[in-house]
Amino acid sequence: MTWARLFILGCLILSFTSCTCSKKAKESETGKAAPTTPDPNKAPDYSGITVERVIAKDVSSGKGGEVKAGSKVSGYYSMWVYAPAQLANKGKFISGNAEDRKELFTFEVGKGEVVPGWEQGVMGMRAGGKRSIIVPIALGFGEKGNDTVPPGSILLIEFEAVKVN
């Protein structure tokens, strides 16, 4: 995925939400305290943002096999905490294999090997395709989070399906 496409995708998402980014920028202009650097161990301020379902957007379409329930999917991914005030909506990096592309990540859809929102987000993808997936808190790591994901985080996953069986 090119940076330009990521930027455009981020702008589209922001245009459909009432993000606090513009509020904070206006506060800075009016003399109020400027926003501080976000704490990576705390979810961003999602006030004004409602993500109640998985939002999946194809970056590029594939022509291979289609992902269905029970499919074994292999590919490259990157996962971040969704942060609307950050460049390309990418907050804290959580995990991924897309950077080094050494080894494919494989999971079976419907087996609970990845968060439910990721499973929902890849449904209908085809091998060779790339998709950006926004996962709501309830379909990600929930209100408790885990060792690397802050509690109450919305996730942003970029996934490239290489093989679908």
Protein backbone atom coordinates (compact mmCIF):
# COMPACT_ATOMS: atom_id res chain seq x y z
CA MET A 1 0.00 0.00 0.00
CA THR A 2 1.41 3.36 -0.95
CA TRP A 3 1.60 6.22 1.52
CA ALA A 4 -0.62 8.28 -0.75
CA ARG A 5 -3.36 5.64 -0.62
CA LEU A 6 -3.00 5.33 3.15
CA PHE A 7 -3.27 9.09 3.49
CA ILE A 8 -6.37 9.22 1.30
CA LEU A 9 -7.93 6.31 3.22
CA GLY A 10 -7.21 8.10 6.50
CA CYS A 11 -8.74 11.32 5.20
CA LEU A 12 -11.88 9.47 4.08
CA ILE A 13 -12.25 7.80 7.45
CA LEU A 14 -11.77 11.10 9.25
CA SER A 15 -14.34 12.80 7.04
CA PHE A 16 -16.97 10.27 8.16
CA THR A 17 -16.23 10.67 11.85
CA SER A 18 -16.35 13.62 14.18
CA CYS A 19 -12.71 13.31 15.15
CA THR A 20 -11.27 15.33 17.99
CA CYS A 21 -8.26 16.25 15.85
CA SER A 22 -9.76 19.48 14.50
CA LYS A 23 -11.00 20.42 17.98
CA LYS A 24 -7.50 20.12 19.41
CA ALA A 25 -6.01 22.12 16.56
CA LYS A 26 -8.56 24.90 17.17
CA GLU A 27 -7.80 24.84 20.89
CA SER A 28 -4.12 25.42 20.09
CA GLU A 29 -4.99 28.38 17.89
CA THR A 30 -7.15 29.92 20.61
CA GLY A 31 -4.37 29.86 23.17
CA LYS A 32 -5.44 26.80 25.12
CA ALA A 33 -2.86 24.13 25.89
CA ALA A 34 -1.59 22.27 22.84
CA PRO A 35 -2.17 18.49 22.80
CA THR A 36 0.59 16.47 24.41
CA THR A 37 2.40 13.49 22.95
CA PRO A 38 0.12 10.45 23.25
CA ASP A 39 0.96 7.80 25.85
CA PRO A 40 1.66 4.58 23.88
CA ASN A 41 0.32 2.50 26.77
CA LYS A 42 -3.05 4.22 26.70
CA ALA A 43 -5.65 4.11 23.93
CA PRO A 44 -6.11 7.43 22.08
CA ASP A 45 -9.04 9.68 22.95
CA TYR A 46 -11.89 8.22 20.90
CA SER A 47 -14.48 10.74 22.07
CA GLY A 48 -16.68 11.63 19.13
CA ILE A 49 -15.68 8.47 17.22
CA THR A 50 -18.01 5.52 17.02
CA VAL A 51 -16.81 2.29 15.44
CA GLU A 52 -19.48 -0.33 16.03
CA ARG A 53 -18.64 -2.73 13.22
CA VAL A 54 -15.64 -3.82 11.19
CA ILE A 55 -14.78 -1.41 8.39
CA ALA A 56 -12.93 -3.19 5.58
CA LYS A 57 -11.66 -1.33 2.52
CA ASP A 58 -9.90 -3.00 -0.40
CA VAL A 59 -6.68 -1.24 -1.29
CA SER A 60 -6.20 -3.59 -4.23
CA SER A 61 -8.29 -6.53 -5.43
CA GLY A 62 -6.89 -10.00 -5.83
CA LYS A 63 -7.78 -12.55 -8.47
CA GLY A 64 -7.07 -15.76 -6.54
CA GLY A 65 -9.17 -17.88 -4.22
CA GLU A 66 -11.81 -16.18 -2.07
CA VAL A 67 -11.65 -16.13 1.74
CA LYS A 68 -14.65 -17.93 3.28
CA ALA A 69 -15.41 -19.46 6.68
CA GLY A 70 -12.93 -22.30 7.22
CA SER A 71 -10.39 -20.94 4.70
CA LYS A 72 -6.73 -21.13 5.59
CA VAL A 73 -5.29 -17.70 4.78
CA SER A 74 -1.60 -16.79 4.51
CA GLY A 75 -0.22 -13.33 4.03
CA TYR A 76 1.53 -10.24 5.33
CA TYR A 77 0.05 -7.91 7.90
CA SER A 78 0.72 -4.87 10.05
CA MET A 79 -1.38 -3.97 13.08
CA TRP A 80 -1.53 -0.62 14.88
CA VAL A 81 -3.69 1.06 17.47
CA TYR A 82 -6.06 3.21 15.41
CA ALA A 83 -5.12 6.81 16.18
CA PRO A 84 -7.07 9.42 14.18
CA ALA A 85 -4.74 12.25 15.23
CA GLN A 86 -1.64 10.46 13.87
CA LEU A 87 -0.27 10.20 10.33
CA ALA A 88 -2.30 7.64 8.33
CA ASN A 89 -4.29 6.95 11.53
CA LYS A 90 -1.46 4.76 12.82
CA GLY A 91 -0.76 4.94 16.51
CA LYS A 92 1.31 2.45 18.47
CA PHE A 93 2.61 -0.42 16.32
CA ILE A 94 1.39 -3.72 17.75
CA SER A 95 2.75 -6.45 15.49
CA GLY A 96 3.28 -7.56 11.92
CA ASN A 97 5.36 -9.31 9.32
CA ALA A 98 4.80 -6.97 6.38
CA GLU A 99 7.99 -5.01 6.97
CA ASP A 100 10.46 -7.89 6.61
CA ARG A 101 8.24 -10.16 4.45
CA LYS A 102 10.36 -13.16 5.49
CA GLU A 103 7.63 -15.53 6.61
CA LEU A 104 3.92 -15.68 5.82
CA PHE A 105 1.45 -15.42 8.70
CA THR A 106 -1.22 -18.13 8.44
CA PHE A 107 -4.54 -18.53 10.22
CA GLU A 108 -7.79 -20.42 9.69
CA VAL A 109 -10.91 -18.28 9.51
CA GLY A 110 -13.40 -19.25 12.21
CA LYS A 111 -10.90 -20.94 14.55
CA GLY A 112 -10.30 -17.88 16.77
CA GLU A 113 -6.59 -17.70 15.90
CA VAL A 114 -6.86 -13.93 15.35
CA VAL A 115 -9.24 -11.36 16.83
CA PRO A 116 -12.85 -11.70 15.57
CA GLY A 117 -12.74 -8.36 13.75
CA TRP A 118 -9.77 -9.50 11.67
CA GLU A 119 -11.62 -12.71 10.71
CA GLN A 120 -14.65 -10.65 9.67
CA GLY A 121 -12.49 -8.15 7.82
CA VAL A 122 -10.85 -10.70 5.51
CA MET A 123 -14.09 -12.42 4.46
CA GLY A 124 -14.60 -12.08 0.72
CA MET A 125 -10.97 -11.09 0.04
CA ARG A 126 -9.17 -12.84 -2.78
CA ALA A 127 -5.58 -14.05 -2.85
CA GLY A 128 -3.37 -11.28 -4.18
CA GLY A 129 -5.54 -8.56 -2.65
CA LYS A 130 -4.73 -6.00 0.02
CA ARG A 131 -7.19 -4.67 2.56
CA SER A 132 -7.28 -2.09 5.33
CA ILE A 133 -9.42 -3.18 8.29
CA ILE A 134 -10.60 -1.06 11.22
CA VAL A 135 -11.63 -3.25 14.15
CA PRO A 136 -13.90 -1.92 16.92
CA ILE A 137 -12.90 -2.40 20.55
CA ALA A 138 -15.40 -5.23 21.14
CA LEU A 139 -14.08 -7.27 18.18
CA GLY A 140 -10.41 -6.61 18.97
CA PHE A 141 -8.69 -6.96 22.33
CA GLY A 142 -11.61 -5.41 24.25
CA GLU A 143 -11.64 -3.07 27.19
CA LYS A 144 -8.83 -5.00 28.92
CA GLY A 145 -6.28 -5.01 26.07
CA ASN A 146 -3.22 -7.22 26.54
CA ASP A 147 0.54 -6.91 27.05
CA THR A 148 1.04 -4.88 23.86
CA VAL A 149 -2.42 -3.44 23.16
CA PRO A 150 -3.66 -0.64 25.44
CA PRO A 151 -7.09 -1.23 27.04
CA GLY A 152 -10.03 -0.03 24.94
CA SER A 153 -8.13 0.25 21.63
CA ILE A 154 -9.62 0.36 18.15
CA LEU A 155 -7.29 -1.52 15.78
CA LEU A 156 -6.05 -0.74 12.28
CA ILE A 157 -4.89 -3.82 10.35
CA GLU A 158 -3.42 -3.86 6.87
CA PHE A 159 -3.49 -7.34 5.38
CA GLU A 160 -2.23 -8.73 2.06
CA ALA A 161 -3.63 -12.16 1.27
CA VAL A 162 -0.98 -14.21 -0.54
CA LYS A 163 -2.57 -17.70 -0.35
CA VAL A 164 -6.13 -18.81 0.30
CA ASN A 165 -6.92 -22.53 0.69
